[in-house]
Amino acid sequence: MHPVLSARSSEPTIASLRDVSGEGAGDALARYWTFYWAVAAAQLTRWLPRRPSRVLDISGGRSAAQAAEAGHTVLEVRDPARTDRRPASGGSPSPAPSRGSPSRAASSGKGRTVPLIGDTGSLTFLTSGSVDAVVAENRVLSRHLATEATVSEIARVLRPGGRVLLCVDSLTLGMALLAERNYWAHLSDVPSAEVVLIPWPDGSITRSFSAHQLRELLVDAGLEVEWIRPRTVLSPSTVEHVLAESPKALSRLVRTELNATQTDESLGIHLLASARKK
């Protein structure tokens, strides 16, 4: 049984795994979230274009800086509805860039980031075929419930041969959240549902996907699926145990994860996918 569905006290519960940031999980899963984000960074490094490219990032996370460090010009779209202008260490908020237009570009390594204020679900301020790659990490497409429209916009702004990397909530996570809140009637409808919307305890709603639903979503937008896999296949309890015994084993665990044979796309709390515009 996958750990998010396990009732054994030795396994992490869905209540601790649902906080993607790891900030609310407490010390019990601190090692796992360190591993999770190390895997995410390694996956992005493997996926990014080898040559300097124009990359659109709608993730609202840490991937834009990483892509810039790799030598790319990154258009980082910041949704005004989600942008937290408070700096992490306190102090005064920095000025926001103007809506739909770039602010002063921030240099990072060989590349640079160009912040944009705009709707990450509607990329109408960008011209068709204007970017080489799109990064939609940090579950951003699960938070846009009309995901079809967002993916169609992603396909539009990609040049022919351009690629998209995206991360969404898996059906495994969605079903575990429903079970946690005793939504048994909703659970019985999941197998036949074309769209699975999940109410969270904080009042928000996200969309969960099976591997089949995600593949269909991308194909319908005119994209060619390269692969779909779980973010991680190693269980949180395994990661916690190994890192508790040997804190220096993180890099070895990340390599193990990257080289793991993909036998079941439905495992894991999040699905990662790569697709190419024909």
C-alpha atoms as a PDB file:
ATOM      1  CA  MET A   1       0.000   0.000   0.000  1.00  0.00           C
ATOM      2  CA  HIS A   2       1.272   3.480  -0.807  1.00  0.00           C
ATOM      3  CA  PRO A   3       2.298   5.436   2.305  1.00  0.00           C
ATOM      4  CA  VAL A   4      -0.271   8.216   1.897  1.00  0.00           C
ATOM      5  CA  LEU A   5      -3.030   5.632   2.189  1.00  0.00           C
ATOM      6  CA  SER A   6      -1.490   3.584   4.963  1.00  0.00           C
ATOM      7  CA  ALA A   7      -3.038   3.533   8.409  1.00  0.00           C
ATOM      8  CA  ARG A   8       0.144   2.340  10.136  1.00  0.00           C
ATOM      9  CA  SER A   9       1.434   4.840  12.672  1.00  0.00           C
ATOM     10  CA  SER A  10       5.013   4.371  11.420  1.00  0.00           C
ATOM     11  CA  GLU A  11       4.111   5.853   8.030  1.00  0.00           C
ATOM     12  CA  PRO A  12       3.533   9.559   7.300  1.00  0.00           C
ATOM     13  CA  THR A  13      -0.119  10.486   7.026  1.00  0.00           C
ATOM     14  CA  ILE A  14      -1.780  12.473   4.265  1.00  0.00           C
ATOM     15  CA  ALA A  15      -2.130  15.328   6.752  1.00  0.00           C
ATOM     16  CA  SER A  16       1.647  15.694   6.781  1.00  0.00           C
ATOM     17  CA  LEU A  17       2.263  14.964   3.086  1.00  0.00           C
ATOM     18  CA  ARG A  18      -0.294  17.398   1.698  1.00  0.00           C
ATOM     19  CA  ASP A  19       1.833  20.456   2.603  1.00  0.00           C
ATOM     20  CA  VAL A  20       4.042  20.659  -0.486  1.00  0.00           C
ATOM     21  CA  SER A  21       6.203  23.420   0.956  1.00  0.00           C
ATOM     22  CA  GLY A  22       7.129  21.169   3.853  1.00  0.00           C
ATOM     23  CA  GLU A  23       6.820  24.145   6.189  1.00  0.00           C
ATOM     24  CA  GLY A  24       3.776  22.774   7.994  1.00  0.00           C
ATOM     25  CA  ALA A  25       4.872  19.180   8.167  1.00  0.00           C
ATOM     26  CA  GLY A  26       6.958  19.563  11.293  1.00  0.00           C
ATOM     27  CA  ASP A  27      10.253  17.880  12.046  1.00  0.00           C
ATOM     28  CA  ALA A  28       8.850  14.418  11.299  1.00  0.00           C
ATOM     29  CA  LEU A  29       9.104  14.910   7.520  1.00  0.00           C
ATOM     30  CA  ALA A  30      11.776  17.578   7.258  1.00  0.00           C
ATOM     31  CA  ARG A  31      14.220  15.121   5.705  1.00  0.00           C
ATOM     32  CA  TYR A  32      11.685  13.918   3.168  1.00  0.00           C
ATOM     33  CA  TRP A  33      10.901  17.427   1.916  1.00  0.00           C
ATOM     34  CA  THR A  34      14.611  18.186   1.641  1.00  0.00           C
ATOM     35  CA  PHE A  35      14.863  15.066  -0.528  1.00  0.00           C
ATOM     36  CA  TYR A  36      11.707  15.986  -2.489  1.00  0.00           C
ATOM     37  CA  TRP A  37      13.027  19.400  -3.524  1.00  0.00           C
ATOM     38  CA  ALA A  38      16.486  18.010  -4.278  1.00  0.00           C
ATOM     39  CA  VAL A  39      14.826  15.517  -6.643  1.00  0.00           C
ATOM     40  CA  ALA A  40      12.750  18.296  -8.226  1.00  0.00           C
ATOM     41  CA  ALA A  41      15.892  20.370  -8.846  1.00  0.00           C
ATOM     42  CA  ALA A  42      17.716  17.390 -10.353  1.00  0.00           C
ATOM     43  CA  GLN A  43      14.757  16.556 -12.603  1.00  0.00           C
ATOM     44  CA  LEU A  44      14.617  20.134 -13.855  1.00  0.00           C
ATOM     45  CA  THR A  45      18.367  20.145 -14.516  1.00  0.00           C
ATOM     46  CA  ARG A  46      18.024  17.011 -16.641  1.00  0.00           C
ATOM     47  CA  TRP A  47      15.042  18.418 -18.523  1.00  0.00           C
ATOM     48  CA  LEU A  48      16.167  21.965 -19.348  1.00  0.00           C
ATOM     49  CA  PRO A  49      17.438  22.674 -22.899  1.00  0.00           C
ATOM     50  CA  ARG A  50      21.170  22.180 -23.348  1.00  0.00           C
ATOM     51  CA  ARG A  51      21.551  25.426 -25.282  1.00  0.00           C
ATOM     52  CA  PRO A  52      20.630  28.893 -23.953  1.00  0.00           C
ATOM     53  CA  SER A  53      16.906  29.278 -24.616  1.00  0.00           C
ATOM     54  CA  ARG A  54      13.895  31.444 -23.864  1.00  0.00           C
ATOM     55  CA  VAL A  55      12.037  29.742 -21.032  1.00  0.00           C
ATOM     56  CA  LEU A  56       8.604  30.685 -19.727  1.00  0.00           C
ATOM     57  CA  ASP A  57       8.094  29.856 -16.038  1.00  0.00           C
ATOM     58  CA  ILE A  58       4.571  29.996 -14.563  1.00  0.00           C
ATOM     59  CA  SER A  59       5.394  27.946 -11.464  1.00  0.00           C
ATOM     60  CA  GLY A  60       5.600  30.651  -8.837  1.00  0.00           C
ATOM     61  CA  GLY A  61       8.390  28.700  -7.166  1.00  0.00           C
ATOM     62  CA  ARG A  62      12.130  28.191  -7.259  1.00  0.00           C
ATOM     63  CA  SER A  63      12.496  26.843 -10.805  1.00  0.00           C
ATOM     64  CA  ALA A  64      12.910  30.236 -12.529  1.00  0.00           C
ATOM     65  CA  ALA A  65      16.136  31.029 -10.670  1.00  0.00           C
ATOM     66  CA  GLN A  66      17.482  27.556 -11.406  1.00  0.00           C
ATOM     67  CA  ALA A  67      16.765  27.907 -15.127  1.00  0.00           C
ATOM     68  CA  ALA A  68      18.490  31.302 -15.168  1.00  0.00           C
ATOM     69  CA  GLU A  69      21.506  29.828 -13.390  1.00  0.00           C
ATOM     70  CA  ALA A  70      21.671  27.253 -16.196  1.00  0.00           C
ATOM     71  CA  GLY A  71      22.095  30.063 -18.726  1.00  0.00           C
ATOM     72  CA  HIS A  72      18.550  30.626 -19.982  1.00  0.00           C
ATOM     73  CA  THR A  73      16.518  33.798 -20.360  1.00  0.00           C
ATOM     74  CA  VAL A  74      13.528  33.150 -18.128  1.00  0.00           C
ATOM     75  CA  LEU A  75      10.197  34.969 -18.390  1.00  0.00           C
ATOM     76  CA  GLU A  76       8.860  34.478 -14.858  1.00  0.00           C
ATOM     77  CA  VAL A  77       5.121  35.119 -14.761  1.00  0.00           C
ATOM     78  CA  ARG A  78       3.867  36.155 -11.340  1.00  0.00           C
ATOM     79  CA  ASP A  79       0.136  35.966 -10.846  1.00  0.00           C
ATOM     80  CA  PRO A  80      -1.034  39.064  -8.906  1.00  0.00           C
ATOM     81  CA  ALA A  81      -3.633  36.922  -7.164  1.00  0.00           C
ATOM     82  CA  ARG A  82      -0.894  34.668  -5.783  1.00  0.00           C
ATOM     83  CA  THR A  83       2.180  36.864  -5.581  1.00  0.00           C
ATOM     84  CA  ASP A  84       3.333  37.415  -2.012  1.00  0.00           C
ATOM     85  CA  ARG A  85       5.290  40.651  -2.106  1.00  0.00           C
ATOM     86  CA  ARG A  86       6.577  40.259   1.436  1.00  0.00           C
ATOM     87  CA  PRO A  87      10.281  39.357   1.409  1.00  0.00           C
ATOM     88  CA  ALA A  88      11.136  36.098   3.149  1.00  0.00           C
ATOM     89  CA  SER A  89      13.416  37.771   5.678  1.00  0.00           C
ATOM     90  CA  GLY A  90      11.173  40.716   6.510  1.00  0.00           C
ATOM     91  CA  GLY A  91      11.610  44.352   5.564  1.00  0.00           C
ATOM     92  CA  SER A  92       9.889  46.382   2.881  1.00  0.00           C
ATOM     93  CA  PRO A  93       8.282  44.757  -0.156  1.00  0.00           C
ATOM     94  CA  SER A  94      10.061  45.277  -3.457  1.00  0.00           C
ATOM     95  CA  PRO A  95       8.228  47.171  -6.222  1.00  0.00           C
ATOM     96  CA  ALA A  96       6.096  44.951  -8.438  1.00  0.00           C
ATOM     97  CA  PRO A  97       6.727  44.907 -12.192  1.00  0.00           C
ATOM     98  CA  SER A  98       4.032  46.386 -14.392  1.00  0.00           C
ATOM     99  CA  ARG A  99       1.175  44.199 -15.558  1.00  0.00           C
ATOM    100  CA  GLY A 100       1.857  42.342 -18.778  1.00  0.00           C
ATOM    101  CA  SER A 101       5.291  43.883 -19.283  1.00  0.00           C
ATOM    102  CA  PRO A 102       8.779  43.007 -18.046  1.00  0.00           C
ATOM    103  CA  SER A 103      10.417  44.727 -15.136  1.00  0.00           C
ATOM    104  CA  ARG A 104      14.162  45.198 -14.845  1.00  0.00           C
ATOM    105  CA  ALA A 105      15.709  41.821 -15.599  1.00  0.00           C
ATOM    106  CA  ALA A 106      17.570  40.139 -12.770  1.00  0.00           C
ATOM    107  CA  SER A 107      20.866  38.530 -13.718  1.00  0.00           C
ATOM    108  CA  SER A 108      21.506  35.048 -12.366  1.00  0.00           C
ATOM    109  CA  GLY A 109      24.552  33.099 -13.482  1.00  0.00           C
ATOM    110  CA  LYS A 110      24.921  33.218 -17.246  1.00  0.00           C
ATOM    111  CA  GLY A 111      21.207  33.754 -17.826  1.00  0.00           C
ATOM    112  CA  ARG A 112      18.640  36.171 -16.451  1.00  0.00           C
ATOM    113  CA  THR A 113      15.077  36.336 -15.183  1.00  0.00           C
ATOM    114  CA  VAL A 114      12.522  38.778 -16.544  1.00  0.00           C
ATOM    115  CA  PRO A 115       9.615  39.086 -14.072  1.00  0.00           C
ATOM    116  CA  LEU A 116       6.147  39.643 -15.539  1.00  0.00           C
ATOM    117  CA  ILE A 117       2.911  40.323 -13.718  1.00  0.00           C
ATOM    118  CA  GLY A 118       0.078  38.467 -15.429  1.00  0.00           C
ATOM    119  CA  ASP A 119      -2.466  35.679 -15.221  1.00  0.00           C
ATOM    120  CA  THR A 120      -0.605  32.355 -15.265  1.00  0.00           C
ATOM    121  CA  GLY A 121      -3.775  30.696 -16.524  1.00  0.00           C
ATOM    122  CA  SER A 122      -4.141  32.973 -19.557  1.00  0.00           C
ATOM    123  CA  LEU A 123      -0.977  33.862 -21.441  1.00  0.00           C
ATOM    124  CA  THR A 124      -2.616  36.263 -23.887  1.00  0.00           C
ATOM    125  CA  PHE A 125       0.124  38.858 -23.293  1.00  0.00           C
ATOM    126  CA  LEU A 126       2.616  36.544 -25.067  1.00  0.00           C
ATOM    127  CA  THR A 127       2.729  36.014 -28.830  1.00  0.00           C
ATOM    128  CA  SER A 128       2.333  32.578 -30.397  1.00  0.00           C
ATOM    129  CA  GLY A 129       5.490  30.530 -30.793  1.00  0.00           C
ATOM    130  CA  SER A 130       7.532  32.964 -28.702  1.00  0.00           C
ATOM    131  CA  VAL A 131       9.227  30.605 -26.200  1.00  0.00           C
ATOM    132  CA  ASP A 132      11.393  27.503 -26.453  1.00  0.00           C
ATOM    133  CA  ALA A 133      10.237  25.861 -23.234  1.00  0.00           C
ATOM    134  CA  VAL A 134       7.597  26.213 -20.522  1.00  0.00           C
ATOM    135  CA  VAL A 135       8.004  25.181 -16.885  1.00  0.00           C
ATOM    136  CA  ALA A 136       4.696  24.676 -15.022  1.00  0.00           C
ATOM    137  CA  GLU A 137       6.050  23.252 -11.778  1.00  0.00           C
ATOM    138  CA  ASN A 138       4.843  23.555  -8.182  1.00  0.00           C
ATOM    139  CA  ARG A 139       1.378  22.079  -9.007  1.00  0.00           C
ATOM    140  CA  VAL A 140       0.296  25.287 -10.735  1.00  0.00           C
ATOM    141  CA  LEU A 141      -1.926  23.445 -13.241  1.00  0.00           C
ATOM    142  CA  SER A 142      -3.794  21.688 -10.431  1.00  0.00           C
ATOM    143  CA  ARG A 143      -4.670  25.102  -9.001  1.00  0.00           C
ATOM    144  CA  HIS A 144      -6.053  26.241 -12.379  1.00  0.00           C
ATOM    145  CA  LEU A 145      -9.276  24.239 -12.494  1.00  0.00           C
ATOM    146  CA  ALA A 146      -9.862  25.000 -16.192  1.00  0.00           C
ATOM    147  CA  THR A 147      -6.595  23.238 -16.938  1.00  0.00           C
ATOM    148  CA  GLU A 148      -7.501  22.603 -20.576  1.00  0.00           C
ATOM    149  CA  ALA A 149      -7.492  26.342 -21.315  1.00  0.00           C
ATOM    150  CA  THR A 150      -4.120  26.861 -19.623  1.00  0.00           C
ATOM    151  CA  VAL A 151      -2.504  23.933 -21.430  1.00  0.00           C
ATOM    152  CA  SER A 152      -3.873  25.194 -24.757  1.00  0.00           C
ATOM    153  CA  GLU A 153      -2.247  28.565 -24.047  1.00  0.00           C
ATOM    154  CA  ILE A 154       1.020  26.823 -23.197  1.00  0.00           C
ATOM    155  CA  ALA A 155       0.871  24.959 -26.506  1.00  0.00           C
ATOM    156  CA  ARG A 156       0.165  28.216 -28.345  1.00  0.00           C
ATOM    157  CA  VAL A 157       3.162  30.130 -26.976  1.00  0.00           C
ATOM    158  CA  LEU A 158       5.568  27.233 -27.563  1.00  0.00           C
ATOM    159  CA  ARG A 159       7.506  27.207 -30.805  1.00  0.00           C
ATOM    160  CA  PRO A 160       7.296  24.007 -32.896  1.00  0.00           C
ATOM    161  CA  GLY A 161       9.519  21.468 -31.174  1.00  0.00           C
ATOM    162  CA  GLY A 162       9.311  23.373 -27.881  1.00  0.00           C
ATOM    163  CA  ARG A 163       8.738  21.441 -24.661  1.00  0.00           C
ATOM    164  CA  VAL A 164       6.769  21.791 -21.435  1.00  0.00           C
ATOM    165  CA  LEU A 165       7.550  20.332 -18.005  1.00  0.00           C
ATOM    166  CA  LEU A 166       4.620  20.226 -15.600  1.00  0.00           C
ATOM    167  CA  CYS A 167       3.697  18.898 -12.176  1.00  0.00           C
ATOM    168  CA  VAL A 168       0.131  18.165 -10.970  1.00  0.00           C
ATOM    169  CA  ASP A 169      -1.594  16.542  -8.013  1.00  0.00           C
ATOM    170  CA  SER A 170      -2.063  12.828  -8.585  1.00  0.00           C
ATOM    171  CA  LEU A 171      -5.319  10.952  -8.213  1.00  0.00           C
ATOM    172  CA  THR A 172      -3.633   9.090  -5.341  1.00  0.00           C
ATOM    173  CA  LEU A 173      -3.325  12.356  -3.405  1.00  0.00           C
ATOM    174  CA  GLY A 174      -6.837  13.464  -4.334  1.00  0.00           C
ATOM    175  CA  MET A 175      -8.444  10.209  -3.179  1.00  0.00           C
ATOM    176  CA  ALA A 176      -6.457  10.238   0.054  1.00  0.00           C
ATOM    177  CA  LEU A 177      -7.663  13.782   0.792  1.00  0.00           C
ATOM    178  CA  LEU A 178     -11.266  12.748   0.149  1.00  0.00           C
ATOM    179  CA  ALA A 179     -10.892   9.741   2.433  1.00  0.00           C
ATOM    180  CA  GLU A 180      -9.269  11.876   5.130  1.00  0.00           C
ATOM    181  CA  ARG A 181     -12.350  14.126   5.171  1.00  0.00           C
ATOM    182  CA  ASN A 182     -14.815  11.215   4.986  1.00  0.00           C
ATOM    183  CA  TYR A 183     -16.134  12.171   1.532  1.00  0.00           C
ATOM    184  CA  TRP A 184     -17.034   8.583   0.746  1.00  0.00           C
ATOM    185  CA  ALA A 185     -19.757   9.459  -1.785  1.00  0.00           C
ATOM    186  CA  HIS A 186     -17.268  11.573  -3.733  1.00  0.00           C
ATOM    187  CA  LEU A 187     -14.744   8.734  -3.625  1.00  0.00           C
ATOM    188  CA  SER A 188     -17.200   6.325  -5.234  1.00  0.00           C
ATOM    189  CA  ASP A 189     -17.635   8.744  -8.150  1.00  0.00           C
ATOM    190  CA  VAL A 190     -13.906   9.114  -8.865  1.00  0.00           C
ATOM    191  CA  PRO A 191     -13.480   6.070 -11.182  1.00  0.00           C
ATOM    192  CA  SER A 192     -16.070   7.400 -13.646  1.00  0.00           C
ATOM    193  CA  ALA A 193     -15.305  11.127 -13.303  1.00  0.00           C
ATOM    194  CA  GLU A 194     -13.693  12.988 -16.190  1.00  0.00           C
ATOM    195  CA  VAL A 195     -12.683  15.859 -13.884  1.00  0.00           C
ATOM    196  CA  VAL A 196     -11.722  15.286 -10.244  1.00  0.00           C
ATOM    197  CA  LEU A 197     -11.911  18.413  -8.064  1.00  0.00           C
ATOM    198  CA  ILE A 198     -10.639  18.133  -4.499  1.00  0.00           C
ATOM    199  CA  PRO A 199     -11.786  20.379  -1.610  1.00  0.00           C
ATOM    200  CA  TRP A 200      -8.942  21.102   0.813  1.00  0.00           C
ATOM    201  CA  PRO A 201      -9.311  21.826   4.526  1.00  0.00           C
ATOM    202  CA  ASP A 202      -8.285  25.458   3.963  1.00  0.00           C
ATOM    203  CA  GLY A 203     -11.260  26.003   1.628  1.00  0.00           C
ATOM    204  CA  SER A 204      -9.294  25.890  -1.623  1.00  0.00           C
ATOM    205  CA  ILE A 205     -10.069  23.496  -4.481  1.00  0.00           C
ATOM    206  CA  THR A 206      -7.540  21.766  -6.690  1.00  0.00           C
ATOM    207  CA  ARG A 207      -7.702  19.308  -9.551  1.00  0.00           C
ATOM    208  CA  SER A 208      -6.194  15.822  -9.421  1.00  0.00           C
ATOM    209  CA  PHE A 209      -5.186  13.688 -12.393  1.00  0.00           C
ATOM    210  CA  SER A 210      -4.559  10.087 -13.213  1.00  0.00           C
ATOM    211  CA  ALA A 211      -1.745   9.414 -15.668  1.00  0.00           C
ATOM    212  CA  HIS A 212      -4.381   8.637 -18.323  1.00  0.00           C
ATOM    213  CA  GLN A 213      -6.234  11.921 -17.731  1.00  0.00           C
ATOM    214  CA  LEU A 214      -2.997  13.901 -17.852  1.00  0.00           C
ATOM    215  CA  ARG A 215      -1.908  12.246 -21.081  1.00  0.00           C
ATOM    216  CA  GLU A 216      -5.311  12.928 -22.659  1.00  0.00           C
ATOM    217  CA  LEU A 217      -5.150  16.574 -21.564  1.00  0.00           C
ATOM    218  CA  LEU A 218      -1.781  17.098 -23.239  1.00  0.00           C
ATOM    219  CA  VAL A 219      -2.660  15.229 -26.436  1.00  0.00           C
ATOM    220  CA  ASP A 220      -5.908  17.182 -26.846  1.00  0.00           C
ATOM    221  CA  ALA A 221      -3.859  20.396 -26.725  1.00  0.00           C
ATOM    222  CA  GLY A 222      -1.747  19.180 -29.638  1.00  0.00           C
ATOM    223  CA  LEU A 223       1.250  18.135 -27.555  1.00  0.00           C
ATOM    224  CA  GLU A 224       3.204  14.899 -27.866  1.00  0.00           C
ATOM    225  CA  VAL A 225       3.755  13.233 -24.477  1.00  0.00           C
ATOM    226  CA  GLU A 226       7.361  12.210 -23.884  1.00  0.00           C
ATOM    227  CA  TRP A 227       6.849  10.678 -20.463  1.00  0.00           C
ATOM    228  CA  ILE A 228       4.726  10.778 -17.300  1.00  0.00           C
ATOM    229  CA  ARG A 229       6.125   9.669 -13.940  1.00  0.00           C
ATOM    230  CA  PRO A 230       5.622  10.229 -10.214  1.00  0.00           C
ATOM    231  CA  ARG A 231       7.707  12.984  -8.689  1.00  0.00           C
ATOM    232  CA  THR A 232       9.165  10.389  -6.343  1.00  0.00           C
ATOM    233  CA  VAL A 233       8.770   6.630  -6.070  1.00  0.00           C
ATOM    234  CA  LEU A 234      10.742   6.224  -2.855  1.00  0.00           C
ATOM    235  CA  SER A 235       8.369   6.336   0.106  1.00  0.00           C
ATOM    236  CA  PRO A 236       8.696   9.115   2.696  1.00  0.00           C
ATOM    237  CA  SER A 237       9.289   6.553   5.436  1.00  0.00           C
ATOM    238  CA  THR A 238      12.187   5.025   3.475  1.00  0.00           C
ATOM    239  CA  VAL A 239      13.752   8.426   2.854  1.00  0.00           C
ATOM    240  CA  GLU A 240      13.336   9.476   6.496  1.00  0.00           C
ATOM    241  CA  HIS A 241      14.899   6.234   7.728  1.00  0.00           C
ATOM    242  CA  VAL A 242      17.902   6.376   5.381  1.00  0.00           C
ATOM    243  CA  LEU A 243      18.657  10.046   6.029  1.00  0.00           C
ATOM    244  CA  ALA A 244      18.262   9.615   9.794  1.00  0.00           C
ATOM    245  CA  GLU A 245      20.878   6.852   9.672  1.00  0.00           C
ATOM    246  CA  SER A 246      23.151   8.641   7.198  1.00  0.00           C
ATOM    247  CA  PRO A 247      22.525  12.374   6.551  1.00  0.00           C
ATOM    248  CA  LYS A 248      25.168  12.332   3.802  1.00  0.00           C
ATOM    249  CA  ALA A 249      23.122   9.809   1.785  1.00  0.00           C
ATOM    250  CA  LEU A 250      20.951  12.522   0.190  1.00  0.00           C
ATOM    251  CA  SER A 251      22.820  12.623  -3.121  1.00  0.00           C
ATOM    252  CA  ARG A 252      22.739   8.817  -3.332  1.00  0.00           C
ATOM    253  CA  LEU A 253      18.979   8.785  -2.707  1.00  0.00           C
ATOM    254  CA  VAL A 254      18.433  11.425  -5.396  1.00  0.00           C
ATOM    255  CA  ARG A 255      20.455   9.379  -7.912  1.00  0.00           C
ATOM    256  CA  THR A 256      18.447   6.294  -6.978  1.00  0.00           C
ATOM    257  CA  GLU A 257      15.220   8.197  -7.577  1.00  0.00           C
ATOM    258  CA  LEU A 258      16.346   9.556 -10.948  1.00  0.00           C
ATOM    259  CA  ASN A 259      17.418   6.101 -12.141  1.00  0.00           C
ATOM    260  CA  ALA A 260      14.422   4.195 -10.746  1.00  0.00           C
ATOM    261  CA  THR A 261      12.492   2.050 -13.221  1.00  0.00           C
ATOM    262  CA  GLN A 262       9.052   3.533 -13.816  1.00  0.00           C
ATOM    263  CA  THR A 263       6.553   0.721 -13.416  1.00  0.00           C
ATOM    264  CA  ASP A 264       3.443   2.537 -12.169  1.00  0.00           C
ATOM    265  CA  GLU A 265       2.653   6.118 -13.160  1.00  0.00           C
ATOM    266  CA  SER A 266      -0.172   6.332 -10.599  1.00  0.00           C
ATOM    267  CA  LEU A 267       2.082   6.119  -7.528  1.00  0.00           C
ATOM    268  CA  GLY A 268       3.171   9.201  -5.651  1.00  0.00           C
ATOM    269  CA  ILE A 269       1.385  12.337  -4.499  1.00  0.00           C
ATOM    270  CA  HIS A 270       2.368  14.336  -7.594  1.00  0.00           C
ATOM    271  CA  LEU A 271       2.764  13.469 -11.272  1.00  0.00           C
ATOM    272  CA  LEU A 272       5.510  14.964 -13.426  1.00  0.00           C
ATOM    273  CA  ALA A 273       5.177  15.071 -17.220  1.00  0.00           C
ATOM    274  CA  SER A 274       7.171  16.229 -20.220  1.00  0.00           C
ATOM    275  CA  ALA A 275       5.571  16.966 -23.600  1.00  0.00           C
ATOM    276  CA  ARG A 276       6.663  18.446 -26.907  1.00  0.00           C
ATOM    277  CA  LYS A 277       4.850  20.625 -29.420  1.00  0.00           C
ATOM    278  CA  LYS A 278       4.668  18.864 -32.768  1.00  0.00           C
END
